[in-house]
Amino acid sequence: MDSGFLRARLASLLAVMPLGVWTVAHLWSNLSALRGPAAWEDAVTHFSHPVAHFATMVIALLPLALHTVWGVRRLASTRPNNQRYRSFGNLKYAIQRLSAVGVLLFLGAHLFKAMIEPRLVHGHAETFADISTQMGHHPPTLAVYLLGTLGVAYHLGNGLQTFAMGWGLTTSRRALARFEIVSYATFVLVLAMSWTVIWALWRAGQ
């Protein structure tokens, strides 16, 4: 079997399991911001044991790294053909590529500001006070999170449909149309969770 075909299937699988599941779980934990600083820090930055923290990072970051490498290679080797084929599917594909670049930049900034810098520079996990202050008083940070999470929501929602097509879960136009509803619902759900978290942090920082 063609190695490129296998890499594409593996990359799409990693995007859904565990990355997609982890993203929703991460957002669910962050929704604890609605209940205040102590609840957020306990849910997001507290780990009962260093091994648990390490395992969480491996589950999230290793698939992310593999998916990113595959995605960058795909961006470099393929070109959109929207000028020739101006269909809605082609438009979604072009936006998927654009969102991939935005999500990559957003996640790099998010990992540095939320995980690397606090621990390496300040010697502790990110605090609720720090992130809520940034959201409430630094408009560029707020804008980056709003646009970044919009990109994540679209990339994940549209990626589910690509996953279903690649793995043979949608073998007819009717099945594809039905699964498209799942794709849209995922986009709305992830975006609603993301912006609710951002609103809670912004409100606390005011």
N, C-alpha and C. Protein backbone atom coordinates (compact mmCIF):
# COMPACT_ATOMS: atom_id res chain seq x y z
N MET A 1 0.86 -1.20 0.00
CA MET A 1 0.00 0.00 0.00
C MET A 1 0.89 1.25 0.00
N ASP A 2 0.47 2.29 -0.70
CA ASP A 2 1.25 3.52 -0.82
C ASP A 2 1.48 4.15 0.54
N SER A 3 2.77 4.52 0.80
CA SER A 3 3.12 5.09 2.11
C SER A 3 2.46 6.45 2.32
N GLY A 4 2.29 7.21 1.24
CA GLY A 4 1.61 8.50 1.36
C GLY A 4 0.17 8.35 1.80
N PHE A 5 -0.48 7.31 1.26
CA PHE A 5 -1.87 7.02 1.64
C PHE A 5 -1.94 6.68 3.13
N LEU A 6 -1.00 5.87 3.61
CA LEU A 6 -1.00 5.47 5.02
C LEU A 6 -0.72 6.66 5.93
N ARG A 7 0.20 7.53 5.50
CA ARG A 7 0.50 8.72 6.31
C ARG A 7 -0.71 9.63 6.40
N ALA A 8 -1.43 9.78 5.30
CA ALA A 8 -2.63 10.62 5.30
C ALA A 8 -3.69 10.06 6.24
N ARG A 9 -3.86 8.73 6.21
CA ARG A 9 -4.86 8.12 7.10
C ARG A 9 -4.45 8.26 8.56
N LEU A 10 -3.15 8.06 8.84
CA LEU A 10 -2.67 8.19 10.21
C LEU A 10 -2.83 9.62 10.70
N ALA A 11 -2.50 10.59 9.84
CA ALA A 11 -2.61 12.00 10.23
C ALA A 11 -4.06 12.37 10.53
N SER A 12 -5.00 11.89 9.71
CA SER A 12 -6.41 12.20 9.95
C SER A 12 -6.90 11.52 11.22
N LEU A 13 -6.40 10.31 11.48
CA LEU A 13 -6.80 9.61 12.71
C LEU A 13 -6.29 10.35 13.94
N LEU A 14 -5.04 10.79 13.90
CA LEU A 14 -4.48 11.52 15.03
C LEU A 14 -5.21 12.84 15.27
N ALA A 15 -5.70 13.45 14.18
CA ALA A 15 -6.41 14.72 14.32
C ALA A 15 -7.71 14.55 15.09
N VAL A 16 -8.30 13.37 15.00
CA VAL A 16 -9.57 13.11 15.69
C VAL A 16 -9.33 12.44 17.03
N MET A 17 -8.50 11.40 17.01
CA MET A 17 -8.18 10.63 18.21
C MET A 17 -6.66 10.58 18.35
N PRO A 18 -6.05 11.26 19.30
CA PRO A 18 -6.72 11.88 20.44
C PRO A 18 -6.87 13.40 20.38
N LEU A 19 -6.36 14.06 19.32
CA LEU A 19 -6.33 15.53 19.34
C LEU A 19 -7.70 16.16 19.47
N GLY A 20 -8.66 15.70 18.67
CA GLY A 20 -9.99 16.29 18.73
C GLY A 20 -10.65 16.07 20.09
N VAL A 21 -10.53 14.83 20.59
CA VAL A 21 -11.10 14.52 21.90
C VAL A 21 -10.42 15.34 22.99
N TRP A 22 -9.09 15.43 22.90
CA TRP A 22 -8.35 16.20 23.91
C TRP A 22 -8.74 17.68 23.87
N THR A 23 -8.95 18.22 22.68
CA THR A 23 -9.34 19.62 22.56
C THR A 23 -10.65 19.90 23.28
N VAL A 24 -11.65 19.05 23.06
CA VAL A 24 -12.93 19.22 23.73
C VAL A 24 -12.78 19.07 25.24
N ALA A 25 -11.97 18.09 25.67
CA ALA A 25 -11.75 17.89 27.11
C ALA A 25 -11.04 19.09 27.72
N HIS A 26 -10.08 19.65 26.99
CA HIS A 26 -9.34 20.83 27.47
C HIS A 26 -10.26 22.03 27.61
N LEU A 27 -11.14 22.22 26.64
CA LEU A 27 -12.09 23.32 26.72
C LEU A 27 -13.07 23.11 27.88
N TRP A 28 -13.49 21.87 28.08
CA TRP A 28 -14.40 21.58 29.19
C TRP A 28 -13.75 21.93 30.52
N SER A 29 -12.46 21.61 30.67
CA SER A 29 -11.74 21.97 31.90
C SER A 29 -11.67 23.48 32.06
N ASN A 30 -11.43 24.17 30.96
CA ASN A 30 -11.31 25.63 31.02
C ASN A 30 -12.63 26.32 31.32
N LEU A 31 -13.75 25.64 31.05
CA LEU A 31 -15.05 26.23 31.39
C LEU A 31 -15.21 26.43 32.89
N SER A 32 -14.34 25.83 33.68
CA SER A 32 -14.36 26.04 35.12
C SER A 32 -14.04 27.50 35.46
N ALA A 33 -13.58 28.28 34.48
CA ALA A 33 -13.36 29.72 34.70
C ALA A 33 -14.66 30.41 35.10
N LEU A 34 -15.78 29.83 34.71
CA LEU A 34 -17.08 30.38 35.09
C LEU A 34 -17.29 30.30 36.60
N ARG A 35 -16.56 29.40 37.27
CA ARG A 35 -16.73 29.19 38.70
C ARG A 35 -15.65 29.86 39.53
N GLY A 36 -14.75 30.61 38.87
CA GLY A 36 -13.78 31.39 39.62
C GLY A 36 -12.35 30.90 39.51
N PRO A 37 -11.40 31.69 40.05
CA PRO A 37 -9.97 31.39 39.94
C PRO A 37 -9.56 30.03 40.49
N ALA A 38 -10.01 29.72 41.70
CA ALA A 38 -9.58 28.47 42.33
C ALA A 38 -10.04 27.26 41.53
N ALA A 39 -11.27 27.29 41.04
CA ALA A 39 -11.80 26.17 40.26
C ALA A 39 -11.03 26.02 38.96
N TRP A 40 -10.70 27.14 38.30
CA TRP A 40 -9.97 27.09 37.03
C TRP A 40 -8.57 26.53 37.24
N GLU A 41 -7.86 27.04 38.23
CA GLU A 41 -6.49 26.57 38.46
C GLU A 41 -6.47 25.11 38.86
N ASP A 42 -7.45 24.66 39.62
CA ASP A 42 -7.50 23.26 40.02
C ASP A 42 -7.78 22.36 38.82
N ALA A 43 -8.62 22.82 37.90
CA ALA A 43 -8.99 22.00 36.75
C ALA A 43 -7.96 22.04 35.63
N VAL A 44 -7.28 23.18 35.45
CA VAL A 44 -6.43 23.38 34.28
C VAL A 44 -4.95 23.22 34.57
N THR A 45 -4.48 23.76 35.68
CA THR A 45 -3.03 23.79 35.92
C THR A 45 -2.57 22.85 37.02
N HIS A 46 -3.49 22.26 37.76
CA HIS A 46 -3.10 21.38 38.87
C HIS A 46 -3.08 19.93 38.42
N PHE A 47 -1.98 19.24 38.74
CA PHE A 47 -1.86 17.82 38.46
C PHE A 47 -1.49 17.11 39.76
N SER A 48 -2.15 15.99 40.01
CA SER A 48 -1.94 15.28 41.26
C SER A 48 -0.54 14.70 41.38
N HIS A 49 0.12 14.48 40.22
CA HIS A 49 1.46 13.88 40.23
C HIS A 49 2.19 14.32 38.96
N PRO A 50 3.53 14.53 39.05
CA PRO A 50 4.27 14.93 37.84
C PRO A 50 4.11 13.95 36.69
N VAL A 51 3.95 12.66 37.00
CA VAL A 51 3.77 11.67 35.94
C VAL A 51 2.46 11.93 35.17
N ALA A 52 1.43 12.35 35.91
CA ALA A 52 0.16 12.67 35.26
C ALA A 52 0.32 13.84 34.30
N HIS A 53 1.09 14.84 34.71
CA HIS A 53 1.35 16.00 33.86
C HIS A 53 2.10 15.56 32.60
N PHE A 54 3.13 14.74 32.79
CA PHE A 54 3.93 14.26 31.65
C PHE A 54 3.07 13.45 30.69
N ALA A 55 2.25 12.56 31.23
CA ALA A 55 1.39 11.72 30.38
C ALA A 55 0.41 12.57 29.58
N THR A 56 -0.13 13.61 30.22
CA THR A 56 -1.05 14.50 29.53
C THR A 56 -0.36 15.21 28.37
N MET A 57 0.87 15.67 28.61
CA MET A 57 1.61 16.36 27.57
C MET A 57 1.92 15.42 26.40
N VAL A 58 2.26 14.17 26.71
CA VAL A 58 2.57 13.21 25.64
C VAL A 58 1.33 12.93 24.80
N ILE A 59 0.20 12.73 25.47
CA ILE A 59 -1.06 12.43 24.77
C ILE A 59 -1.45 13.57 23.85
N ALA A 60 -1.17 14.81 24.28
CA ALA A 60 -1.56 15.97 23.48
C ALA A 60 -0.49 16.39 22.47
N LEU A 61 0.76 16.48 22.93
CA LEU A 61 1.79 17.10 22.10
C LEU A 61 2.39 16.17 21.06
N LEU A 62 2.53 14.89 21.36
CA LEU A 62 3.10 13.98 20.36
C LEU A 62 2.21 13.86 19.13
N PRO A 63 0.91 13.58 19.27
CA PRO A 63 0.05 13.56 18.08
C PRO A 63 0.01 14.91 17.37
N LEU A 64 0.05 16.01 18.15
CA LEU A 64 0.05 17.34 17.55
C LEU A 64 1.30 17.53 16.69
N ALA A 65 2.45 17.10 17.19
CA ALA A 65 3.69 17.25 16.43
C ALA A 65 3.64 16.43 15.14
N LEU A 66 3.15 15.19 15.22
CA LEU A 66 3.07 14.33 14.03
C LEU A 66 2.09 14.90 13.01
N HIS A 67 0.94 15.36 13.49
CA HIS A 67 -0.06 15.94 12.58
C HIS A 67 0.47 17.22 11.94
N THR A 68 1.23 18.00 12.71
CA THR A 68 1.79 19.25 12.18
C THR A 68 2.81 18.98 11.09
N VAL A 69 3.69 18.02 11.32
CA VAL A 69 4.70 17.68 10.31
C VAL A 69 4.03 17.24 9.01
N TRP A 70 3.02 16.37 9.14
CA TRP A 70 2.29 15.91 7.95
C TRP A 70 1.60 17.09 7.27
N GLY A 71 0.98 17.96 8.06
CA GLY A 71 0.25 19.08 7.50
C GLY A 71 1.14 20.06 6.76
N VAL A 72 2.32 20.35 7.32
CA VAL A 72 3.25 21.28 6.68
C VAL A 72 3.74 20.69 5.35
N ARG A 73 4.02 19.40 5.35
CA ARG A 73 4.44 18.76 4.09
C ARG A 73 3.33 18.79 3.05
N ARG A 74 2.10 18.61 3.50
CA ARG A 74 0.97 18.64 2.57
C ARG A 74 0.76 20.04 2.01
N LEU A 75 0.92 21.06 2.87
CA LEU A 75 0.79 22.44 2.40
C LEU A 75 1.84 22.77 1.35
N ALA A 76 3.03 22.21 1.54
CA ALA A 76 4.13 22.51 0.62
C ALA A 76 4.02 21.76 -0.70
N SER A 77 3.29 20.64 -0.70
CA SER A 77 3.26 19.79 -1.89
C SER A 77 1.97 19.90 -2.71
N THR A 78 0.95 20.56 -2.19
CA THR A 78 -0.31 20.68 -2.93
C THR A 78 -0.69 22.15 -3.07
N ARG A 79 -1.49 22.43 -4.08
CA ARG A 79 -1.93 23.80 -4.34
C ARG A 79 -3.45 23.81 -4.53
N PRO A 80 -4.14 24.83 -4.00
CA PRO A 80 -5.59 24.91 -4.20
C PRO A 80 -5.91 25.22 -5.66
N ASN A 81 -7.08 24.78 -6.11
CA ASN A 81 -7.49 25.02 -7.50
C ASN A 81 -8.84 25.73 -7.55
N ASN A 82 -9.00 26.72 -6.66
CA ASN A 82 -10.29 27.42 -6.57
C ASN A 82 -10.61 28.24 -7.80
N GLN A 83 -9.59 28.71 -8.50
CA GLN A 83 -9.84 29.49 -9.70
C GLN A 83 -10.46 28.63 -10.80
N ARG A 84 -10.07 27.36 -10.85
CA ARG A 84 -10.59 26.47 -11.89
C ARG A 84 -11.91 25.84 -11.47
N TYR A 85 -11.99 25.42 -10.21
CA TYR A 85 -13.19 24.75 -9.71
C TYR A 85 -13.75 25.55 -8.53
N ARG A 86 -14.73 26.38 -8.82
CA ARG A 86 -15.26 27.28 -7.79
C ARG A 86 -16.47 26.66 -7.09
N SER A 87 -16.25 25.52 -6.48
CA SER A 87 -17.32 24.83 -5.77
C SER A 87 -17.23 25.14 -4.28
N PHE A 88 -18.31 24.87 -3.55
CA PHE A 88 -18.33 25.09 -2.11
C PHE A 88 -17.33 24.18 -1.41
N GLY A 89 -17.20 22.95 -1.90
CA GLY A 89 -16.23 22.03 -1.31
C GLY A 89 -14.81 22.53 -1.46
N ASN A 90 -14.49 23.10 -2.61
CA ASN A 90 -13.15 23.65 -2.81
C ASN A 90 -12.91 24.86 -1.91
N LEU A 91 -13.95 25.66 -1.70
CA LEU A 91 -13.82 26.81 -0.81
C LEU A 91 -13.52 26.35 0.61
N LYS A 92 -14.23 25.31 1.06
CA LYS A 92 -13.99 24.79 2.40
C LYS A 92 -12.57 24.24 2.52
N TYR A 93 -12.10 23.60 1.45
CA TYR A 93 -10.74 23.05 1.46
C TYR A 93 -9.70 24.18 1.57
N ALA A 94 -9.93 25.28 0.83
CA ALA A 94 -9.00 26.41 0.89
C ALA A 94 -9.00 27.03 2.28
N ILE A 95 -10.18 27.17 2.88
CA ILE A 95 -10.25 27.73 4.23
C ILE A 95 -9.60 26.78 5.23
N GLN A 96 -9.73 25.47 4.99
CA GLN A 96 -9.08 24.49 5.86
C GLN A 96 -7.57 24.67 5.85
N ARG A 97 -7.01 24.90 4.69
CA ARG A 97 -5.56 25.14 4.57
C ARG A 97 -5.17 26.43 5.28
N LEU A 98 -5.97 27.48 5.07
CA LEU A 98 -5.69 28.76 5.72
C LEU A 98 -5.80 28.64 7.24
N SER A 99 -6.82 27.92 7.70
CA SER A 99 -6.98 27.75 9.14
C SER A 99 -5.84 26.94 9.73
N ALA A 100 -5.28 26.02 8.95
CA ALA A 100 -4.15 25.21 9.43
C ALA A 100 -2.96 26.10 9.79
N VAL A 101 -2.68 27.07 8.93
CA VAL A 101 -1.58 28.00 9.20
C VAL A 101 -1.88 28.83 10.44
N GLY A 102 -3.11 29.36 10.51
CA GLY A 102 -3.49 30.17 11.67
C GLY A 102 -3.45 29.38 12.97
N VAL A 103 -3.96 28.14 12.92
CA VAL A 103 -3.96 27.31 14.13
C VAL A 103 -2.53 26.98 14.57
N LEU A 104 -1.65 26.73 13.62
CA LEU A 104 -0.25 26.44 13.95
C LEU A 104 0.38 27.62 14.68
N LEU A 105 0.17 28.83 14.17
CA LEU A 105 0.72 30.02 14.82
C LEU A 105 0.08 30.25 16.19
N PHE A 106 -1.23 30.06 16.26
CA PHE A 106 -1.94 30.26 17.53
C PHE A 106 -1.48 29.27 18.59
N LEU A 107 -1.37 28.00 18.23
CA LEU A 107 -0.97 26.99 19.21
C LEU A 107 0.46 27.21 19.67
N GLY A 108 1.33 27.64 18.76
CA GLY A 108 2.70 27.95 19.16
C GLY A 108 2.73 29.06 20.21
N ALA A 109 1.97 30.12 19.96
CA ALA A 109 1.91 31.23 20.91
C ALA A 109 1.25 30.81 22.22
N HIS A 110 0.18 30.02 22.11
CA HIS A 110 -0.55 29.58 23.30
C HIS A 110 0.31 28.67 24.18
N LEU A 111 1.01 27.73 23.57
CA LEU A 111 1.86 26.83 24.35
C LEU A 111 2.98 27.60 25.04
N PHE A 112 3.53 28.58 24.34
CA PHE A 112 4.62 29.37 24.95
C PHE A 112 4.11 30.21 26.12
N LYS A 113 3.01 30.94 25.89
CA LYS A 113 2.51 31.85 26.92
C LYS A 113 1.84 31.13 28.08
N ALA A 114 1.17 30.00 27.78
CA ALA A 114 0.40 29.33 28.82
C ALA A 114 1.16 28.24 29.56
N MET A 115 2.17 27.65 28.90
CA MET A 115 2.85 26.53 29.53
C MET A 115 4.35 26.75 29.70
N ILE A 116 5.03 27.14 28.63
CA ILE A 116 6.49 27.21 28.68
C ILE A 116 6.99 28.40 29.48
N GLU A 117 6.54 29.61 29.12
CA GLU A 117 7.03 30.81 29.80
C GLU A 117 6.73 30.82 31.30
N PRO A 118 5.50 30.55 31.73
CA PRO A 118 5.24 30.59 33.18
C PRO A 118 6.13 29.63 33.97
N ARG A 119 6.34 28.44 33.46
CA ARG A 119 7.10 27.44 34.20
C ARG A 119 8.61 27.68 34.14
N LEU A 120 9.11 28.08 32.96
CA LEU A 120 10.56 28.28 32.83
C LEU A 120 11.02 29.63 33.33
N VAL A 121 10.22 30.66 33.11
CA VAL A 121 10.63 32.02 33.49
C VAL A 121 10.20 32.34 34.92
N HIS A 122 8.95 31.99 35.28
CA HIS A 122 8.43 32.38 36.59
C HIS A 122 8.43 31.24 37.60
N GLY A 123 8.69 30.03 37.15
CA GLY A 123 8.81 28.91 38.06
C GLY A 123 7.51 28.34 38.58
N HIS A 124 6.40 28.65 37.93
CA HIS A 124 5.11 28.11 38.36
C HIS A 124 4.16 28.06 37.17
N ALA A 125 3.07 27.32 37.34
CA ALA A 125 2.08 27.24 36.27
C ALA A 125 1.39 28.58 36.08
N GLU A 126 0.78 28.76 34.93
CA GLU A 126 0.05 29.99 34.65
C GLU A 126 -1.06 30.18 35.68
N THR A 127 -1.20 31.40 36.17
CA THR A 127 -2.24 31.69 37.15
C THR A 127 -3.47 32.28 36.49
N PHE A 128 -4.59 32.14 37.16
CA PHE A 128 -5.84 32.70 36.65
C PHE A 128 -5.73 34.22 36.54
N ALA A 129 -5.07 34.83 37.52
CA ALA A 129 -4.92 36.29 37.52
C ALA A 129 -4.17 36.76 36.28
N ASP A 130 -3.13 36.01 35.89
CA ASP A 130 -2.32 36.41 34.73
C ASP A 130 -3.13 36.37 33.45
N ILE A 131 -3.79 35.25 33.20
CA ILE A 131 -4.49 35.11 31.92
C ILE A 131 -5.74 35.98 31.87
N SER A 132 -6.44 36.13 32.98
CA SER A 132 -7.63 36.98 32.97
C SER A 132 -7.26 38.45 32.79
N THR A 133 -6.15 38.85 33.37
CA THR A 133 -5.68 40.24 33.18
C THR A 133 -5.32 40.49 31.74
N GLN A 134 -4.64 39.52 31.11
CA GLN A 134 -4.30 39.65 29.70
C GLN A 134 -5.55 39.76 28.83
N MET A 135 -6.52 38.93 29.12
CA MET A 135 -7.77 38.97 28.34
C MET A 135 -8.52 40.28 28.53
N GLY A 136 -8.50 40.79 29.76
CA GLY A 136 -9.28 41.98 30.06
C GLY A 136 -8.63 43.29 29.70
N HIS A 137 -7.29 43.31 29.61
CA HIS A 137 -6.60 44.59 29.44
C HIS A 137 -5.61 44.61 28.29
N HIS A 138 -5.51 43.54 27.52
CA HIS A 138 -4.58 43.52 26.39
C HIS A 138 -5.32 43.08 25.15
N PRO A 139 -5.89 44.02 24.40
CA PRO A 139 -6.71 43.69 23.23
C PRO A 139 -6.06 42.76 22.23
N PRO A 140 -4.73 42.88 21.93
CA PRO A 140 -4.14 41.94 20.98
C PRO A 140 -4.23 40.48 21.45
N THR A 141 -4.06 40.25 22.75
CA THR A 141 -4.19 38.88 23.28
C THR A 141 -5.61 38.38 23.10
N LEU A 142 -6.58 39.22 23.42
CA LEU A 142 -7.98 38.85 23.26
C LEU A 142 -8.29 38.52 21.80
N ALA A 143 -7.79 39.35 20.88
CA ALA A 143 -8.04 39.13 19.45
C ALA A 143 -7.41 37.82 18.98
N VAL A 144 -6.18 37.55 19.43
CA VAL A 144 -5.49 36.32 19.04
C VAL A 144 -6.27 35.10 19.50
N TYR A 145 -6.79 35.13 20.73
CA TYR A 145 -7.54 33.99 21.24
C TYR A 145 -8.89 33.83 20.53
N LEU A 146 -9.55 34.93 20.23
CA LEU A 146 -10.82 34.84 19.51
C LEU A 146 -10.63 34.25 18.12
N LEU A 147 -9.63 34.76 17.39
CA LEU A 147 -9.38 34.28 16.03
C LEU A 147 -8.76 32.88 16.04
N GLY A 148 -7.87 32.64 17.00
CA GLY A 148 -7.22 31.33 17.08
C GLY A 148 -8.20 30.22 17.36
N THR A 149 -9.11 30.45 18.30
CA THR A 149 -10.10 29.41 18.62
C THR A 149 -11.13 29.26 17.50
N LEU A 150 -11.40 30.35 16.77
CA LEU A 150 -12.25 30.23 15.58
C LEU A 150 -11.60 29.29 14.57
N GLY A 151 -10.29 29.45 14.37
CA GLY A 151 -9.57 28.57 13.46
C GLY A 151 -9.57 27.13 13.93
N VAL A 152 -9.38 26.92 15.23
CA VAL A 152 -9.39 25.56 15.78
C VAL A 152 -10.75 24.91 15.57
N ALA A 153 -11.82 25.65 15.85
CA ALA A 153 -13.17 25.11 15.69
C ALA A 153 -13.45 24.72 14.25
N TYR A 154 -13.07 25.58 13.31
CA TYR A 154 -13.31 25.26 11.90
C TYR A 154 -12.45 24.08 11.46
N HIS A 155 -11.19 24.10 11.83
CA HIS A 155 -10.26 23.05 11.40
C HIS A 155 -10.70 21.68 11.91
N LEU A 156 -11.18 21.65 13.14
CA LEU A 156 -11.63 20.38 13.70
C LEU A 156 -12.96 19.94 13.08
N GLY A 157 -13.91 20.87 12.98
CA GLY A 157 -15.21 20.52 12.41
C GLY A 157 -15.10 20.05 10.98
N ASN A 158 -14.40 20.79 10.14
CA ASN A 158 -14.24 20.41 8.74
C ASN A 158 -13.37 19.17 8.61
N GLY A 159 -12.39 19.06 9.51
CA GLY A 159 -11.52 17.89 9.48
C GLY A 159 -12.26 16.59 9.77
N LEU A 160 -13.32 16.66 10.57
CA LEU A 160 -14.12 15.47 10.83
C LEU A 160 -14.73 14.92 9.55
N GLN A 161 -15.19 15.84 8.70
CA GLN A 161 -15.78 15.40 7.44
C GLN A 161 -14.73 14.76 6.54
N THR A 162 -13.55 15.36 6.50
CA THR A 162 -12.45 14.78 5.72
C THR A 162 -12.07 13.41 6.26
N PHE A 163 -12.06 13.29 7.59
CA PHE A 163 -11.76 12.01 8.23
C PHE A 163 -12.78 10.94 7.82
N ALA A 164 -14.05 11.32 7.86
CA ALA A 164 -15.11 10.37 7.51
C ALA A 164 -15.00 9.92 6.06
N MET A 165 -14.66 10.84 5.17
CA MET A 165 -14.50 10.48 3.76
C MET A 165 -13.28 9.59 3.56
N GLY A 166 -12.17 9.94 4.21
CA GLY A 166 -10.94 9.17 4.04
C GLY A 166 -11.02 7.76 4.58
N TRP A 167 -11.78 7.58 5.66
CA TRP A 167 -11.88 6.27 6.28
C TRP A 167 -13.11 5.48 5.81
N GLY A 168 -13.79 5.98 4.80
CA GLY A 168 -14.90 5.23 4.22
C GLY A 168 -16.16 5.22 5.05
N LEU A 169 -16.32 6.19 5.95
CA LEU A 169 -17.52 6.25 6.77
C LEU A 169 -18.69 6.87 6.01
N THR A 170 -18.38 7.63 4.97
CA THR A 170 -19.42 8.25 4.14
C THR A 170 -19.17 7.81 2.70
N THR A 171 -19.91 6.82 2.25
CA THR A 171 -19.67 6.25 0.93
C THR A 171 -20.71 6.66 -0.11
N SER A 172 -21.63 7.54 0.29
CA SER A 172 -22.64 8.03 -0.67
C SER A 172 -22.86 9.51 -0.41
N ARG A 173 -23.50 10.18 -1.37
CA ARG A 173 -23.77 11.61 -1.20
C ARG A 173 -24.71 11.85 -0.04
N ARG A 174 -25.67 10.95 0.15
CA ARG A 174 -26.61 11.10 1.27
C ARG A 174 -25.88 10.98 2.60
N ALA A 175 -24.99 10.01 2.70
CA ALA A 175 -24.23 9.84 3.94
C ALA A 175 -23.32 11.04 4.17
N LEU A 176 -22.74 11.56 3.11
CA LEU A 176 -21.87 12.74 3.22
C LEU A 176 -22.66 13.95 3.70
N ALA A 177 -23.88 14.12 3.17
CA ALA A 177 -24.72 15.24 3.58
C ALA A 177 -25.11 15.13 5.05
N ARG A 178 -25.41 13.89 5.49
CA ARG A 178 -25.77 13.70 6.90
C ARG A 178 -24.58 13.99 7.80
N PHE A 179 -23.40 13.55 7.39
CA PHE A 179 -22.22 13.76 8.23
C PHE A 179 -21.81 15.23 8.23
N GLU A 180 -22.19 15.95 7.19
CA GLU A 180 -21.88 17.38 7.15
C GLU A 180 -22.56 18.10 8.31
N ILE A 181 -23.72 17.62 8.72
CA ILE A 181 -24.40 18.19 9.88
C ILE A 181 -23.56 18.00 11.14
N VAL A 182 -22.93 16.83 11.26
CA VAL A 182 -22.04 16.56 12.39
C VAL A 182 -20.86 17.53 12.37
N SER A 183 -20.35 17.79 11.18
CA SER A 183 -19.23 18.71 11.02
C SER A 183 -19.61 20.12 11.48
N TYR A 184 -20.77 20.60 11.03
CA TYR A 184 -21.22 21.93 11.43
C TYR A 184 -21.49 22.00 12.93
N ALA A 185 -22.10 20.95 13.47
CA ALA A 185 -22.42 20.92 14.90
C ALA A 185 -21.14 20.95 15.73
N THR A 186 -20.11 20.23 15.28
CA THR A 186 -18.83 20.23 16.00
C THR A 186 -18.21 21.62 15.98
N PHE A 187 -18.26 22.27 14.83
CA PHE A 187 -17.73 23.63 14.72
C PHE A 187 -18.44 24.56 15.71
N VAL A 188 -19.75 24.52 15.75
CA VAL A 188 -20.52 25.40 16.63
C VAL A 188 -20.23 25.08 18.10
N LEU A 189 -20.17 23.80 18.43
CA LEU A 189 -19.93 23.39 19.82
C LEU A 189 -18.56 23.85 20.31
N VAL A 190 -17.53 23.57 19.51
CA VAL A 190 -16.17 23.94 19.92
C VAL A 190 -16.01 25.45 20.00
N LEU A 191 -16.60 26.16 19.05
CA LEU A 191 -16.50 27.62 19.08
C LEU A 191 -17.26 28.19 20.28
N ALA A 192 -18.45 27.66 20.57
CA ALA A 192 -19.23 28.14 21.71
C ALA A 192 -18.49 27.90 23.02
N MET A 193 -17.89 26.73 23.17
CA MET A 193 -17.12 26.44 24.38
C MET A 193 -15.92 27.38 24.49
N SER A 194 -15.22 27.57 23.38
CA SER A 194 -14.02 28.41 23.38
C SER A 194 -14.35 29.85 23.76
N TRP A 195 -15.37 30.41 23.12
CA TRP A 195 -15.68 31.81 23.36
C TRP A 195 -16.34 32.02 24.72
N THR A 196 -16.98 30.99 25.26
CA THR A 196 -17.50 31.09 26.63
C THR A 196 -16.35 31.18 27.63
N VAL A 197 -15.31 30.36 27.41
CA VAL A 197 -14.12 30.43 28.26
C VAL A 197 -13.47 31.81 28.17
N ILE A 198 -13.32 32.30 26.95
CA ILE A 198 -12.69 33.61 26.75
C ILE A 198 -13.52 34.70 27.42
N TRP A 199 -14.84 34.62 27.29
CA TRP A 199 -15.71 35.61 27.93
C TRP A 199 -15.56 35.58 29.45
N ALA A 200 -15.49 34.37 30.01
CA ALA A 200 -15.35 34.25 31.47
C ALA A 200 -14.03 34.85 31.95
N LEU A 201 -12.96 34.60 31.21
CA LEU A 201 -11.66 35.16 31.58
C LEU A 201 -11.63 36.67 31.38
N TRP A 202 -12.24 37.13 30.28
CA TRP A 202 -12.31 38.58 30.03
C TRP A 202 -13.10 39.28 31.12
N ARG A 203 -14.23 38.71 31.50
CA ARG A 203 -15.07 39.30 32.54
C ARG A 203 -14.32 39.38 33.87
N ALA A 204 -13.57 38.32 34.19
CA ALA A 204 -12.82 38.32 35.45
C ALA A 204 -11.69 39.34 35.44
N GLY A 205 -11.18 39.65 34.25
CA GLY A 205 -10.05 40.58 34.17
C GLY A 205 -10.45 42.03 34.11
N GLN A 206 -11.76 42.30 34.01
CA GLN A 206 -12.21 43.69 33.91
C GLN A 206 -12.14 44.39 35.27
